[in-house]
Protein backbone atom coordinates (compact mmCIF):
# COMPACT_ATOMS: atom_id res chain seq x y z
CA MET A 1 99.08 83.16 71.39
CA GLY A 2 102.28 84.17 73.17
CA LYS A 3 102.61 85.26 76.75
CA ARG A 4 102.57 89.02 77.29
CA TYR A 5 105.63 90.67 78.73
CA ALA A 6 105.20 92.79 81.85
CA ARG A 7 107.49 95.82 81.89
CA TYR A 8 107.19 96.31 85.66
CA GLU A 9 107.48 93.70 88.41
CA LEU A 10 105.84 93.43 91.81
CA GLY A 11 107.68 95.72 94.21
CA ASP A 12 108.92 98.24 91.62
CA LEU A 13 108.75 101.89 92.67
CA VAL A 14 106.87 103.93 90.06
CA GLU A 15 105.55 107.45 89.55
CA PHE A 16 102.40 108.55 87.72
CA ARG A 17 100.16 111.57 87.17
CA TYR A 18 96.74 111.37 88.82
CA ASN A 19 93.96 113.69 87.65
CA HIS A 20 90.98 114.08 89.99
CA GLN A 21 88.46 116.89 89.43
CA ASN A 22 90.92 118.83 87.26
CA THR A 23 93.62 118.70 89.93
CA ILE A 24 96.75 116.91 88.71
CA ARG A 25 99.04 115.34 91.29
CA ILE A 26 102.25 113.38 90.82
CA LEU A 27 102.03 110.22 92.95
CA THR A 28 104.73 107.70 93.84
CA GLY A 29 103.91 104.13 94.80
CA ILE A 30 104.77 100.44 94.64
CA VAL A 31 103.45 97.92 92.11
CA VAL A 32 101.37 95.37 94.07
CA GLU A 33 99.40 93.62 91.31
CA LEU A 34 99.33 93.39 87.53
CA ASN A 35 96.83 92.51 84.84
CA THR A 36 98.80 91.49 81.73
CA ASN A 37 95.67 91.18 79.57
CA LYS A 38 95.13 94.94 79.71
CA ASN A 39 98.67 96.07 80.67
CA ARG A 40 97.34 97.66 83.86
CA TYR A 41 99.04 97.76 87.23
CA LYS A 42 97.70 98.23 90.75
CA ILE A 43 99.83 100.82 92.52
CA LYS A 44 99.81 101.20 96.33
CA VAL A 45 100.20 104.82 97.44
CA ASN A 46 100.02 105.27 101.22
CA MET A 47 96.82 103.34 102.09
CA LYS A 48 95.08 103.72 98.70
CA ASP A 49 95.27 101.63 95.51
CA TYR A 50 95.22 103.00 91.95
CA TRP A 51 94.93 101.04 88.68
CA GLN A 52 97.13 102.63 86.01
CA SER A 53 98.02 101.76 82.42
CA GLU A 54 101.59 100.74 81.65
CA ASP A 55 102.19 103.76 79.42
CA LYS A 56 101.28 106.18 82.26
CA LEU A 57 103.96 104.86 84.65
CA THR A 58 107.56 105.97 85.07
CA LEU A 59 110.02 103.58 86.72
CA LEU A 60 111.91 105.11 89.64
CA SER A 61 113.52 102.00 91.15
CA LYS A 62 113.60 98.37 90.07
CA VAL A 63 113.07 95.62 92.64
CA LEU A 64 116.28 93.59 93.14
CA ASN A 65 114.77 90.31 94.34
CA SER A 66 111.20 89.54 93.36
CA ALA A 67 108.91 88.28 96.11
CA SER A 68 108.71 84.51 96.37
CA LYS A 69 105.30 82.86 96.27
């Protein structure tokens, strides 16, 4: 099986809609972790983390140099 392609990289600035108790908010955050098996990304917004599907995210700014490990 081939390796899955991740559309977003660590450090990318993204925007998504968050629905909590029928209140929809537009949140902006940074990609801090990814799960390529399910195409889900952990997004850091202020001091809180959200897991979001790839199709729910909108790219605002691409990271220029990816973080070295």
